[in-house]
Amino acid sequence: MSSPAADVARRLGENAEAVCRRYLSNGRREGHYWLVGDVHNAPGRSLYVRLSDHSDGRGAAGKWTDAASGDHGDLLDVIAAACGHTAFRETLEEARQFLSLPPPPEMPRNPAPPKAPSGTPEAARRLWAASKPVLGSLGADYLAGRSIVTVSASDPLRYHRHCFYRPSEDDVPGGRPAWPAMIAAVTDLGGAITGVHRTWLDPETKDKAPVAYPRRAMGNLLGHGVRFGPAARVMAAGEGIETILSLREAVPALSMIAGLSGAHLAALVFPAGLKRLYVARDDDPAGGAALSTLSERAEQAGIELLPLEPEYGDFNDDLVIRGRSVLAGALRTQFAAADRLKYL
């Protein structure tokens, strides 16, 4: 017998397109999917919601996956994010109203204090508080294996020895429920933690864990990012944490921010006083779309935007293959003349 929540989720799946039009209004239908930027309704195409069941049984209507972050869930998660709910009962009530269902029988009150649902900023802050310094950990070993060695205690990076991993449909059944993970803090302009990014690691290989989606973010991400250095007149931004850390190996004095996905990079909130922004773009359609949107927003805000192009797939590839000094030389040709003397 299914639970009330499962029944509501199933009913939402039967009305998946209507739910998407209501709570993911910045997206659009393409074939059997609804495409949008993320679960918070940002413009874009990285999150896709199934609008009908697959004939081979591989996926049900209403299930969604964010190709940028690796997160996935059902339409109850979408409603919770759209409405900013902090309690699951609020989401169920909203879903029942949308479906015109009668309220459930009143249940006895539970005197225990509610636990923050997984994926909320509160849960992200709880995970951050439970994590340890990254220096001397498997997290630092993982970065060193990617030629990233400039890591300090003041960086927004920590390490968790036993971080829960929720398997997806693409994972092998019966896998480990938790792996070590590098944890990165996502903050707003005031420095408050609004989310975290997790990179699950394998202690045997000191590389990413052998799971379908070894990188995932949680919490309130839109407009925020992982910040390396204070807000300044000249800064750099990019999608991935390792992209930004690779740039920092060559330009250590420049403040930088990782947006974590193309959609979130495009939506970054500009700090006051920012005059020039270097953007380390990813060489793919999502990276091109993010750069285009960010360029339009920067122009409207009176900010000069300069793209940075890697020689290989991304700047971490450049760092690993070519080394720090060659990477710095390549960046020198892409920097404004006024910044070469100061930062390079």
C-alpha atoms as a PDB file:
ATOM      1  CA  MET A   1       0.000   0.000   0.000  1.00  0.00           C
ATOM      2  CA  SER A   2       1.499   3.344  -1.046  1.00  0.00           C
ATOM      3  CA  SER A   3       1.985   6.227   1.382  1.00  0.00           C
ATOM      4  CA  PRO A   4      -0.091   9.439   1.093  1.00  0.00           C
ATOM      5  CA  ALA A   5       2.995  11.306  -0.164  1.00  0.00           C
ATOM      6  CA  ALA A   6       3.668   8.675  -2.839  1.00  0.00           C
ATOM      7  CA  ASP A   7       0.054   8.880  -3.956  1.00  0.00           C
ATOM      8  CA  VAL A   8       0.241  12.676  -4.248  1.00  0.00           C
ATOM      9  CA  ALA A   9       3.527  12.397  -6.178  1.00  0.00           C
ATOM     10  CA  ARG A  10       1.916   9.892  -8.557  1.00  0.00           C
ATOM     11  CA  ARG A  11      -1.055  12.193  -9.131  1.00  0.00           C
ATOM     12  CA  LEU A  12       1.283  15.105  -9.796  1.00  0.00           C
ATOM     13  CA  GLY A  13       3.102  12.941 -12.355  1.00  0.00           C
ATOM     14  CA  GLU A  14      -0.198  12.294 -14.118  1.00  0.00           C
ATOM     15  CA  ASN A  15      -0.526  16.096 -14.439  1.00  0.00           C
ATOM     16  CA  ALA A  16       3.179  16.762 -14.989  1.00  0.00           C
ATOM     17  CA  GLU A  17       2.849  19.387 -17.722  1.00  0.00           C
ATOM     18  CA  ALA A  18       0.285  21.394 -15.746  1.00  0.00           C
ATOM     19  CA  VAL A  19       2.554  21.284 -12.685  1.00  0.00           C
ATOM     20  CA  CYS A  20       5.516  22.485 -14.760  1.00  0.00           C
ATOM     21  CA  ARG A  21       3.525  25.324 -16.312  1.00  0.00           C
ATOM     22  CA  ARG A  22       2.558  26.460 -12.827  1.00  0.00           C
ATOM     23  CA  TYR A  23       5.814  26.019 -10.868  1.00  0.00           C
ATOM     24  CA  LEU A  24       8.477  25.992 -13.617  1.00  0.00           C
ATOM     25  CA  SER A  25       6.986  28.750 -15.755  1.00  0.00           C
ATOM     26  CA  ASN A  26      10.348  29.880 -17.179  1.00  0.00           C
ATOM     27  CA  GLY A  27      10.710  26.580 -19.027  1.00  0.00           C
ATOM     28  CA  ARG A  28       9.032  25.081 -22.044  1.00  0.00           C
ATOM     29  CA  ARG A  29       7.958  21.725 -23.438  1.00  0.00           C
ATOM     30  CA  GLU A  30      10.175  19.909 -25.914  1.00  0.00           C
ATOM     31  CA  GLY A  31       8.886  16.497 -26.957  1.00  0.00           C
ATOM     32  CA  HIS A  32       8.263  14.367 -23.878  1.00  0.00           C
ATOM     33  CA  TYR A  33      10.175  16.702 -21.542  1.00  0.00           C
ATOM     34  CA  TRP A  34       9.830  20.075 -19.853  1.00  0.00           C
ATOM     35  CA  LEU A  35      13.161  21.969 -19.964  1.00  0.00           C
ATOM     36  CA  VAL A  36      14.173  24.734 -17.542  1.00  0.00           C
ATOM     37  CA  GLY A  37      17.342  26.012 -15.865  1.00  0.00           C
ATOM     38  CA  ASP A  38      16.949  24.423 -12.442  1.00  0.00           C
ATOM     39  CA  VAL A  39      14.459  23.413  -9.781  1.00  0.00           C
ATOM     40  CA  HIS A  40      14.237  27.064  -8.656  1.00  0.00           C
ATOM     41  CA  ASN A  41      12.748  28.018 -12.075  1.00  0.00           C
ATOM     42  CA  ALA A  42      15.824  29.752 -13.485  1.00  0.00           C
ATOM     43  CA  PRO A  43      15.798  30.180 -17.278  1.00  0.00           C
ATOM     44  CA  GLY A  44      17.815  27.533 -19.097  1.00  0.00           C
ATOM     45  CA  ARG A  45      17.761  23.934 -20.279  1.00  0.00           C
ATOM     46  CA  SER A  46      19.830  21.866 -17.841  1.00  0.00           C
ATOM     47  CA  LEU A  47      16.884  20.473 -15.833  1.00  0.00           C
ATOM     48  CA  TYR A  48      14.442  18.207 -17.611  1.00  0.00           C
ATOM     49  CA  VAL A  49      11.157  16.804 -16.311  1.00  0.00           C
ATOM     50  CA  ARG A  50       9.583  13.702 -17.838  1.00  0.00           C
ATOM     51  CA  LEU A  51       6.042  14.497 -18.935  1.00  0.00           C
ATOM     52  CA  SER A  52       5.026  10.889 -19.656  1.00  0.00           C
ATOM     53  CA  ASP A  53       6.056   7.400 -18.574  1.00  0.00           C
ATOM     54  CA  HIS A  54       8.756   5.685 -20.603  1.00  0.00           C
ATOM     55  CA  SER A  55       7.397   2.713 -22.519  1.00  0.00           C
ATOM     56  CA  ASP A  56      10.271   0.524 -21.320  1.00  0.00           C
ATOM     57  CA  GLY A  57       9.646   1.379 -17.670  1.00  0.00           C
ATOM     58  CA  ARG A  58      12.929   3.281 -17.158  1.00  0.00           C
ATOM     59  CA  GLY A  59      11.330   6.460 -15.864  1.00  0.00           C
ATOM     60  CA  ALA A  60       8.025   7.750 -14.581  1.00  0.00           C
ATOM     61  CA  ALA A  61       6.233  10.956 -15.462  1.00  0.00           C
ATOM     62  CA  GLY A  62       7.116  13.763 -13.073  1.00  0.00           C
ATOM     63  CA  LYS A  63      10.668  12.593 -12.409  1.00  0.00           C
ATOM     64  CA  TRP A  64      13.339  15.225 -13.098  1.00  0.00           C
ATOM     65  CA  THR A  65      17.116  15.387 -13.422  1.00  0.00           C
ATOM     66  CA  ASP A  66      19.415  18.415 -13.406  1.00  0.00           C
ATOM     67  CA  ALA A  67      22.196  17.605 -15.863  1.00  0.00           C
ATOM     68  CA  ALA A  68      24.361  20.418 -14.461  1.00  0.00           C
ATOM     69  CA  SER A  69      24.311  19.480 -10.778  1.00  0.00           C
ATOM     70  CA  GLY A  70      23.317  15.792 -10.917  1.00  0.00           C
ATOM     71  CA  ASP A  71      20.353  16.395  -8.597  1.00  0.00           C
ATOM     72  CA  HIS A  72      17.106  14.568  -9.286  1.00  0.00           C
ATOM     73  CA  GLY A  73      13.698  14.133  -7.699  1.00  0.00           C
ATOM     74  CA  ASP A  74       9.971  14.350  -8.275  1.00  0.00           C
ATOM     75  CA  LEU A  75       7.390  17.110  -8.585  1.00  0.00           C
ATOM     76  CA  LEU A  76       7.012  17.426  -4.820  1.00  0.00           C
ATOM     77  CA  ASP A  77      10.628  18.665  -4.777  1.00  0.00           C
ATOM     78  CA  VAL A  78       9.751  21.171  -7.514  1.00  0.00           C
ATOM     79  CA  ILE A  79       6.817  22.539  -5.532  1.00  0.00           C
ATOM     80  CA  ALA A  80       8.902  22.747  -2.350  1.00  0.00           C
ATOM     81  CA  ALA A  81      11.611  24.751  -4.148  1.00  0.00           C
ATOM     82  CA  ALA A  82       9.146  27.018  -5.962  1.00  0.00           C
ATOM     83  CA  CYS A  83       7.267  27.869  -2.786  1.00  0.00           C
ATOM     84  CA  GLY A  84      10.295  28.034  -0.498  1.00  0.00           C
ATOM     85  CA  HIS A  85       8.850  25.504   1.927  1.00  0.00           C
ATOM     86  CA  THR A  86      10.808  24.484   5.028  1.00  0.00           C
ATOM     87  CA  ALA A  87       8.426  21.702   6.093  1.00  0.00           C
ATOM     88  CA  PHE A  88       7.248  18.756   4.001  1.00  0.00           C
ATOM     89  CA  ARG A  89       3.684  19.138   5.246  1.00  0.00           C
ATOM     90  CA  GLU A  90       3.543  22.567   3.562  1.00  0.00           C
ATOM     91  CA  THR A  91       4.514  20.991   0.261  1.00  0.00           C
ATOM     92  CA  LEU A  92       1.898  18.247   0.579  1.00  0.00           C
ATOM     93  CA  GLU A  93      -0.759  20.825   1.417  1.00  0.00           C
ATOM     94  CA  GLU A  94       0.188  22.943  -1.618  1.00  0.00           C
ATOM     95  CA  ALA A  95       0.155  19.865  -3.864  1.00  0.00           C
ATOM     96  CA  ARG A  96      -3.244  18.772  -2.577  1.00  0.00           C
ATOM     97  CA  GLN A  97      -4.652  22.220  -3.275  1.00  0.00           C
ATOM     98  CA  PHE A  98      -3.206  22.185  -6.792  1.00  0.00           C
ATOM     99  CA  LEU A  99      -4.771  18.752  -7.410  1.00  0.00           C
ATOM    100  CA  SER A 100      -8.042  19.785  -5.712  1.00  0.00           C
ATOM    101  CA  LEU A 101      -7.739  16.872  -3.269  1.00  0.00           C
ATOM    102  CA  PRO A 102      -9.464  16.873   0.119  1.00  0.00           C
ATOM    103  CA  PRO A 103      -7.241  17.430   3.184  1.00  0.00           C
ATOM    104  CA  PRO A 104      -5.946  14.256   4.871  1.00  0.00           C
ATOM    105  CA  PRO A 105      -7.281  13.096   8.250  1.00  0.00           C
ATOM    106  CA  GLU A 106      -5.673  15.019  11.080  1.00  0.00           C
ATOM    107  CA  MET A 107      -2.760  13.088  12.585  1.00  0.00           C
ATOM    108  CA  PRO A 108      -1.525  13.216  16.176  1.00  0.00           C
ATOM    109  CA  ARG A 109       1.036  15.946  16.781  1.00  0.00           C
ATOM    110  CA  ASN A 110       4.678  14.907  17.074  1.00  0.00           C
ATOM    111  CA  PRO A 111       6.338  16.855  19.888  1.00  0.00           C
ATOM    112  CA  ALA A 112       9.826  16.239  18.469  1.00  0.00           C
ATOM    113  CA  PRO A 113      11.384  19.295  16.771  1.00  0.00           C
ATOM    114  CA  PRO A 114      11.264  19.031  12.999  1.00  0.00           C
ATOM    115  CA  LYS A 115      14.450  18.182  11.153  1.00  0.00           C
ATOM    116  CA  ALA A 116      15.359  20.346   8.186  1.00  0.00           C
ATOM    117  CA  PRO A 117      14.427  18.528   4.967  1.00  0.00           C
ATOM    118  CA  SER A 118      17.341  17.387   2.847  1.00  0.00           C
ATOM    119  CA  GLY A 119      18.300  19.904   0.206  1.00  0.00           C
ATOM    120  CA  THR A 120      17.332  23.028   2.171  1.00  0.00           C
ATOM    121  CA  PRO A 121      19.759  25.783   3.185  1.00  0.00           C
ATOM    122  CA  GLU A 122      19.345  24.574   6.778  1.00  0.00           C
ATOM    123  CA  ALA A 123      20.415  21.060   5.810  1.00  0.00           C
ATOM    124  CA  ALA A 124      23.341  22.517   3.849  1.00  0.00           C
ATOM    125  CA  ARG A 125      24.508  24.516   6.866  1.00  0.00           C
ATOM    126  CA  ARG A 126      24.173  21.424   9.039  1.00  0.00           C
ATOM    127  CA  LEU A 127      26.401  19.433   6.660  1.00  0.00           C
ATOM    128  CA  TRP A 128      28.959  22.252   6.563  1.00  0.00           C
ATOM    129  CA  ALA A 129      29.074  22.416  10.357  1.00  0.00           C
ATOM    130  CA  ALA A 130      29.634  18.652  10.550  1.00  0.00           C
ATOM    131  CA  SER A 131      32.571  18.790   8.116  1.00  0.00           C
ATOM    132  CA  LYS A 132      36.253  19.123   8.996  1.00  0.00           C
ATOM    133  CA  PRO A 133      39.126  21.200   7.535  1.00  0.00           C
ATOM    134  CA  VAL A 134      40.109  20.133   4.033  1.00  0.00           C
ATOM    135  CA  LEU A 135      43.853  20.539   4.641  1.00  0.00           C
ATOM    136  CA  GLY A 136      45.509  17.187   5.218  1.00  0.00           C
ATOM    137  CA  SER A 137      42.397  15.298   4.088  1.00  0.00           C
ATOM    138  CA  LEU A 138      41.440  13.127   1.132  1.00  0.00           C
ATOM    139  CA  GLY A 139      39.884  16.292  -0.318  1.00  0.00           C
ATOM    140  CA  ALA A 140      43.288  17.986  -0.480  1.00  0.00           C
ATOM    141  CA  ASP A 141      44.810  14.810  -1.982  1.00  0.00           C
ATOM    142  CA  TYR A 142      42.116  14.798  -4.665  1.00  0.00           C
ATOM    143  CA  LEU A 143      42.849  18.427  -5.592  1.00  0.00           C
ATOM    144  CA  ALA A 144      46.607  17.793  -5.613  1.00  0.00           C
ATOM    145  CA  GLY A 145      46.002  14.973  -8.088  1.00  0.00           C
ATOM    146  CA  ARG A 146      44.535  17.625 -10.377  1.00  0.00           C
ATOM    147  CA  SER A 147      47.585  19.901  -9.869  1.00  0.00           C
ATOM    148  CA  ILE A 148      45.673  22.177  -7.484  1.00  0.00           C
ATOM    149  CA  VAL A 149      47.977  22.711  -4.509  1.00  0.00           C
ATOM    150  CA  THR A 150      47.174  26.280  -3.396  1.00  0.00           C
ATOM    151  CA  VAL A 151      44.611  25.443  -0.712  1.00  0.00           C
ATOM    152  CA  SER A 152      44.344  27.374   2.556  1.00  0.00           C
ATOM    153  CA  ALA A 153      42.339  27.115   5.761  1.00  0.00           C
ATOM    154  CA  SER A 154      40.405  30.259   4.790  1.00  0.00           C
ATOM    155  CA  ASP A 155      39.025  28.691   1.603  1.00  0.00           C
ATOM    156  CA  PRO A 156      35.308  27.754   1.551  1.00  0.00           C
ATOM    157  CA  LEU A 157      36.249  24.064   1.406  1.00  0.00           C
ATOM    158  CA  ARG A 158      35.834  21.297   3.974  1.00  0.00           C
ATOM    159  CA  TYR A 159      35.872  17.510   4.135  1.00  0.00           C
ATOM    160  CA  HIS A 160      33.321  14.980   5.355  1.00  0.00           C
ATOM    161  CA  ARG A 161      34.426  11.378   5.927  1.00  0.00           C
ATOM    162  CA  HIS A 162      30.973   9.809   5.567  1.00  0.00           C
ATOM    163  CA  CYS A 163      28.658  11.909   3.369  1.00  0.00           C
ATOM    164  CA  PHE A 164      25.337  10.315   2.389  1.00  0.00           C
ATOM    165  CA  TYR A 165      24.907   9.636  -1.342  1.00  0.00           C
ATOM    166  CA  ARG A 166      21.381   9.218  -2.679  1.00  0.00           C
ATOM    167  CA  PRO A 167      21.579   6.796  -5.617  1.00  0.00           C
ATOM    168  CA  SER A 168      19.900   7.637  -8.895  1.00  0.00           C
ATOM    169  CA  GLU A 169      18.319   5.430 -11.537  1.00  0.00           C
ATOM    170  CA  ASP A 170      21.709   5.402 -13.273  1.00  0.00           C
ATOM    171  CA  ASP A 171      23.570   3.947 -10.281  1.00  0.00           C
ATOM    172  CA  VAL A 172      24.228   0.248  -9.791  1.00  0.00           C
ATOM    173  CA  PRO A 173      21.784  -1.128  -7.176  1.00  0.00           C
ATOM    174  CA  GLY A 174      23.250  -2.044  -3.818  1.00  0.00           C
ATOM    175  CA  GLY A 175      26.037   0.536  -3.852  1.00  0.00           C
ATOM    176  CA  ARG A 176      27.556   2.196  -0.803  1.00  0.00           C
ATOM    177  CA  PRO A 177      25.162   4.573   0.991  1.00  0.00           C
ATOM    178  CA  ALA A 178      27.926   7.075   1.789  1.00  0.00           C
ATOM    179  CA  TRP A 179      31.365   8.155   0.575  1.00  0.00           C
ATOM    180  CA  PRO A 180      33.969  10.665   1.709  1.00  0.00           C
ATOM    181  CA  ALA A 181      33.293  14.064   0.149  1.00  0.00           C
ATOM    182  CA  MET A 182      34.838  17.460  -0.401  1.00  0.00           C
ATOM    183  CA  ILE A 183      32.309  20.069   0.727  1.00  0.00           C
ATOM    184  CA  ALA A 184      32.240  23.620  -0.679  1.00  0.00           C
ATOM    185  CA  ALA A 185      30.183  26.417   0.889  1.00  0.00           C
ATOM    186  CA  VAL A 186      27.814  28.410  -1.325  1.00  0.00           C
ATOM    187  CA  THR A 187      27.338  31.917   0.079  1.00  0.00           C
ATOM    188  CA  ASP A 188      25.449  35.103  -0.691  1.00  0.00           C
ATOM    189  CA  LEU A 189      26.994  38.561  -0.951  1.00  0.00           C
ATOM    190  CA  GLY A 190      26.827  38.943   2.822  1.00  0.00           C
ATOM    191  CA  GLY A 191      28.757  35.718   3.427  1.00  0.00           C
ATOM    192  CA  ALA A 192      25.785  33.687   4.711  1.00  0.00           C
ATOM    193  CA  ILE A 193      25.811  30.016   3.708  1.00  0.00           C
ATOM    194  CA  THR A 194      22.845  29.274   1.436  1.00  0.00           C
ATOM    195  CA  GLY A 195      23.953  25.856   0.154  1.00  0.00           C
ATOM    196  CA  VAL A 196      26.821  23.434  -0.312  1.00  0.00           C
ATOM    197  CA  HIS A 197      28.408  21.545  -3.171  1.00  0.00           C
ATOM    198  CA  ARG A 198      29.561  17.943  -2.644  1.00  0.00           C
ATOM    199  CA  THR A 199      32.240  16.049  -4.572  1.00  0.00           C
ATOM    200  CA  TRP A 200      32.169  12.401  -3.515  1.00  0.00           C
ATOM    201  CA  LEU A 201      35.609  10.753  -3.421  1.00  0.00           C
ATOM    202  CA  ASP A 202      37.073   7.253  -3.496  1.00  0.00           C
ATOM    203  CA  PRO A 203      39.748   6.747  -0.793  1.00  0.00           C
ATOM    204  CA  GLU A 204      41.343   3.979  -2.846  1.00  0.00           C
ATOM    205  CA  THR A 205      41.964   6.012  -6.000  1.00  0.00           C
ATOM    206  CA  LYS A 206      41.915   9.520  -4.429  1.00  0.00           C
ATOM    207  CA  ASP A 207      39.680  10.489  -7.350  1.00  0.00           C
ATOM    208  CA  LYS A 208      35.932  10.937  -7.730  1.00  0.00           C
ATOM    209  CA  ALA A 209      33.807   8.128  -6.293  1.00  0.00           C
ATOM    210  CA  PRO A 210      32.542   5.496  -8.787  1.00  0.00           C
ATOM    211  CA  VAL A 211      28.947   6.729  -8.745  1.00  0.00           C
ATOM    212  CA  ALA A 212      26.753   8.066 -11.524  1.00  0.00           C
ATOM    213  CA  TYR A 213      26.769  11.666 -10.253  1.00  0.00           C
ATOM    214  CA  PRO A 214      29.833  12.346  -8.067  1.00  0.00           C
ATOM    215  CA  ARG A 215      29.085  16.086  -7.949  1.00  0.00           C
ATOM    216  CA  ARG A 216      25.879  17.546  -6.554  1.00  0.00           C
ATOM    217  CA  ALA A 217      24.774  20.815  -5.002  1.00  0.00           C
ATOM    218  CA  MET A 218      22.022  21.443  -2.463  1.00  0.00           C
ATOM    219  CA  GLY A 219      20.354  24.468  -0.904  1.00  0.00           C
ATOM    220  CA  ASN A 220      19.519  27.885  -2.321  1.00  0.00           C
ATOM    221  CA  LEU A 221      21.970  28.367  -5.206  1.00  0.00           C
ATOM    222  CA  LEU A 222      20.392  30.966  -7.494  1.00  0.00           C
ATOM    223  CA  GLY A 223      22.482  34.133  -7.567  1.00  0.00           C
ATOM    224  CA  HIS A 224      25.058  32.739  -5.144  1.00  0.00           C
ATOM    225  CA  GLY A 225      28.311  30.828  -5.505  1.00  0.00           C
ATOM    226  CA  VAL A 226      31.483  29.418  -3.963  1.00  0.00           C
ATOM    227  CA  ARG A 227      33.660  32.481  -3.277  1.00  0.00           C
ATOM    228  CA  PHE A 228      37.450  32.553  -3.210  1.00  0.00           C
ATOM    229  CA  GLY A 229      38.507  35.970  -1.989  1.00  0.00           C
ATOM    230  CA  PRO A 230      36.504  39.105  -1.124  1.00  0.00           C
ATOM    231  CA  ALA A 231      34.350  41.123  -3.503  1.00  0.00           C
ATOM    232  CA  ALA A 232      36.513  43.473  -5.575  1.00  0.00           C
ATOM    233  CA  ARG A 233      36.487  45.810  -8.578  1.00  0.00           C
ATOM    234  CA  VAL A 234      38.034  43.091 -10.747  1.00  0.00           C
ATOM    235  CA  MET A 235      37.010  39.437 -10.350  1.00  0.00           C
ATOM    236  CA  ALA A 236      36.771  36.151 -12.247  1.00  0.00           C
ATOM    237  CA  ALA A 237      33.849  33.722 -12.437  1.00  0.00           C
ATOM    238  CA  GLY A 238      33.280  30.256 -13.859  1.00  0.00           C
ATOM    239  CA  GLU A 239      31.074  27.206 -13.553  1.00  0.00           C
ATOM    240  CA  GLY A 240      33.160  24.590 -11.764  1.00  0.00           C
ATOM    241  CA  ILE A 241      35.094  24.721  -8.513  1.00  0.00           C
ATOM    242  CA  GLU A 242      38.114  23.029 -10.084  1.00  0.00           C
ATOM    243  CA  THR A 243      38.026  25.469 -13.001  1.00  0.00           C
ATOM    244  CA  ILE A 244      38.225  28.384 -10.578  1.00  0.00           C
ATOM    245  CA  LEU A 245      40.886  26.738  -8.406  1.00  0.00           C
ATOM    246  CA  SER A 246      42.954  26.063 -11.530  1.00  0.00           C
ATOM    247  CA  LEU A 247      42.773  29.739 -12.485  1.00  0.00           C
ATOM    248  CA  ARG A 248      43.803  30.671  -8.970  1.00  0.00           C
ATOM    249  CA  GLU A 249      46.970  28.595  -9.305  1.00  0.00           C
ATOM    250  CA  ALA A 250      48.019  31.011 -12.066  1.00  0.00           C
ATOM    251  CA  VAL A 251      46.384  34.213 -10.735  1.00  0.00           C
ATOM    252  CA  PRO A 252      46.387  33.845  -6.930  1.00  0.00           C
ATOM    253  CA  ALA A 253      45.651  37.493  -6.111  1.00  0.00           C
ATOM    254  CA  LEU A 254      42.429  37.698  -8.144  1.00  0.00           C
ATOM    255  CA  SER A 255      39.125  37.159  -6.306  1.00  0.00           C
ATOM    256  CA  MET A 256      36.969  34.476  -7.938  1.00  0.00           C
ATOM    257  CA  ILE A 257      33.579  32.800  -7.684  1.00  0.00           C
ATOM    258  CA  ALA A 258      32.279  29.424  -8.927  1.00  0.00           C
ATOM    259  CA  GLY A 259      28.630  29.408 -10.004  1.00  0.00           C
ATOM    260  CA  LEU A 260      28.437  25.544 -10.119  1.00  0.00           C
ATOM    261  CA  SER A 261      26.439  25.324 -13.372  1.00  0.00           C
ATOM    262  CA  GLY A 262      25.845  27.307 -16.531  1.00  0.00           C
ATOM    263  CA  ALA A 263      22.393  28.434 -15.405  1.00  0.00           C
ATOM    264  CA  HIS A 264      23.665  29.547 -12.010  1.00  0.00           C
ATOM    265  CA  LEU A 265      26.709  31.270 -13.504  1.00  0.00           C
ATOM    266  CA  ALA A 266      24.367  33.287 -15.735  1.00  0.00           C
ATOM    267  CA  ALA A 267      22.314  34.321 -12.688  1.00  0.00           C
ATOM    268  CA  LEU A 268      25.171  35.410 -10.386  1.00  0.00           C
ATOM    269  CA  VAL A 269      24.388  38.535  -8.362  1.00  0.00           C
ATOM    270  CA  PHE A 270      27.050  41.155  -9.073  1.00  0.00           C
ATOM    271  CA  PRO A 271      28.754  42.593  -5.966  1.00  0.00           C
ATOM    272  CA  ALA A 272      28.683  46.361  -5.500  1.00  0.00           C
ATOM    273  CA  GLY A 273      31.680  48.086  -7.040  1.00  0.00           C
ATOM    274  CA  LEU A 274      32.437  45.367  -9.608  1.00  0.00           C
ATOM    275  CA  LYS A 275      33.863  46.991 -12.742  1.00  0.00           C
ATOM    276  CA  ARG A 276      35.441  44.146 -14.717  1.00  0.00           C
ATOM    277  CA  LEU A 277      34.567  40.447 -14.721  1.00  0.00           C
ATOM    278  CA  TYR A 278      36.610  37.708 -16.366  1.00  0.00           C
ATOM    279  CA  VAL A 279      34.502  34.667 -17.240  1.00  0.00           C
ATOM    280  CA  ALA A 280      36.104  31.239 -17.611  1.00  0.00           C
ATOM    281  CA  ARG A 281      33.577  29.723 -19.963  1.00  0.00           C
ATOM    282  CA  ASP A 282      33.021  26.031 -20.606  1.00  0.00           C
ATOM    283  CA  ASP A 283      33.260  25.080 -24.270  1.00  0.00           C
ATOM    284  CA  ASP A 284      29.753  23.658 -24.630  1.00  0.00           C
ATOM    285  CA  PRO A 285      26.255  24.998 -25.458  1.00  0.00           C
ATOM    286  CA  ALA A 286      25.413  25.598 -21.781  1.00  0.00           C
ATOM    287  CA  GLY A 287      28.657  27.532 -21.327  1.00  0.00           C
ATOM    288  CA  GLY A 288      27.947  29.637 -24.408  1.00  0.00           C
ATOM    289  CA  ALA A 289      24.410  30.414 -23.232  1.00  0.00           C
ATOM    290  CA  ALA A 290      25.671  31.354 -19.756  1.00  0.00           C
ATOM    291  CA  LEU A 291      28.285  33.707 -21.219  1.00  0.00           C
ATOM    292  CA  SER A 292      25.687  35.347 -23.479  1.00  0.00           C
ATOM    293  CA  THR A 293      23.234  35.950 -20.620  1.00  0.00           C
ATOM    294  CA  LEU A 294      25.965  37.148 -18.268  1.00  0.00           C
ATOM    295  CA  SER A 295      27.290  39.524 -20.947  1.00  0.00           C
ATOM    296  CA  GLU A 296      23.868  41.123 -21.387  1.00  0.00           C
ATOM    297  CA  ARG A 297      23.433  41.566 -17.637  1.00  0.00           C
ATOM    298  CA  ALA A 298      26.953  42.946 -17.219  1.00  0.00           C
ATOM    299  CA  GLU A 299      26.438  45.485 -20.003  1.00  0.00           C
ATOM    300  CA  GLN A 300      23.248  46.712 -18.384  1.00  0.00           C
ATOM    301  CA  ALA A 301      25.065  47.064 -15.047  1.00  0.00           C
ATOM    302  CA  GLY A 302      28.000  48.952 -16.579  1.00  0.00           C
ATOM    303  CA  ILE A 303      30.441  46.077 -15.975  1.00  0.00           C
ATOM    304  CA  GLU A 304      33.098  45.140 -18.518  1.00  0.00           C
ATOM    305  CA  LEU A 305      33.027  41.411 -19.227  1.00  0.00           C
ATOM    306  CA  LEU A 306      35.992  39.586 -20.758  1.00  0.00           C
ATOM    307  CA  PRO A 307      35.826  35.851 -21.618  1.00  0.00           C
ATOM    308  CA  LEU A 308      38.741  33.541 -20.849  1.00  0.00           C
ATOM    309  CA  GLU A 309      39.251  30.637 -23.259  1.00  0.00           C
ATOM    310  CA  PRO A 310      41.150  27.445 -22.305  1.00  0.00           C
ATOM    311  CA  GLU A 311      43.530  25.744 -24.721  1.00  0.00           C
ATOM    312  CA  TYR A 312      42.152  22.266 -23.973  1.00  0.00           C
ATOM    313  CA  GLY A 313      38.786  21.127 -22.583  1.00  0.00           C
ATOM    314  CA  ASP A 314      38.830  23.400 -19.529  1.00  0.00           C
ATOM    315  CA  PHE A 315      41.315  25.293 -17.366  1.00  0.00           C
ATOM    316  CA  ASN A 316      42.034  22.305 -15.168  1.00  0.00           C
ATOM    317  CA  ASP A 317      43.089  20.391 -18.272  1.00  0.00           C
ATOM    318  CA  ASP A 318      45.340  23.330 -19.147  1.00  0.00           C
ATOM    319  CA  LEU A 319      46.866  23.315 -15.661  1.00  0.00           C
ATOM    320  CA  VAL A 320      47.477  19.562 -15.614  1.00  0.00           C
ATOM    321  CA  ILE A 321      48.821  19.327 -19.175  1.00  0.00           C
ATOM    322  CA  ARG A 322      50.721  22.589 -19.516  1.00  0.00           C
ATOM    323  CA  GLY A 323      51.599  23.574 -15.951  1.00  0.00           C
ATOM    324  CA  ARG A 324      51.108  26.727 -13.915  1.00  0.00           C
ATOM    325  CA  SER A 325      53.618  29.005 -15.656  1.00  0.00           C
ATOM    326  CA  VAL A 326      52.390  28.203 -19.174  1.00  0.00           C
ATOM    327  CA  LEU A 327      48.789  28.698 -18.046  1.00  0.00           C
ATOM    328  CA  ALA A 328      49.707  32.085 -16.561  1.00  0.00           C
ATOM    329  CA  GLY A 329      51.352  33.064 -19.846  1.00  0.00           C
ATOM    330  CA  ALA A 330      48.264  32.111 -21.832  1.00  0.00           C
ATOM    331  CA  LEU A 331      46.034  34.091 -19.482  1.00  0.00           C
ATOM    332  CA  ARG A 332      48.323  37.131 -19.775  1.00  0.00           C
ATOM    333  CA  THR A 333      47.351  37.517 -23.424  1.00  0.00           C
ATOM    334  CA  GLN A 334      43.646  37.487 -22.483  1.00  0.00           C
ATOM    335  CA  PHE A 335      43.829  39.929 -19.570  1.00  0.00           C
ATOM    336  CA  ALA A 336      43.308  43.674 -19.905  1.00  0.00           C
ATOM    337  CA  ALA A 337      46.606  45.580 -19.935  1.00  0.00           C
ATOM    338  CA  ALA A 338      45.834  47.230 -16.600  1.00  0.00           C
ATOM    339  CA  ASP A 339      45.382  43.823 -14.931  1.00  0.00           C
ATOM    340  CA  ARG A 340      48.493  42.114 -16.294  1.00  0.00           C
ATOM    341  CA  LEU A 341      50.851  44.089 -14.083  1.00  0.00           C
ATOM    342  CA  LYS A 342      48.649  43.761 -10.990  1.00  0.00           C
ATOM    343  CA  TYR A 343      47.655  40.098 -11.202  1.00  0.00           C
ATOM    344  CA  LEU A 344      50.149  38.425 -13.548  1.00  0.00           C
END
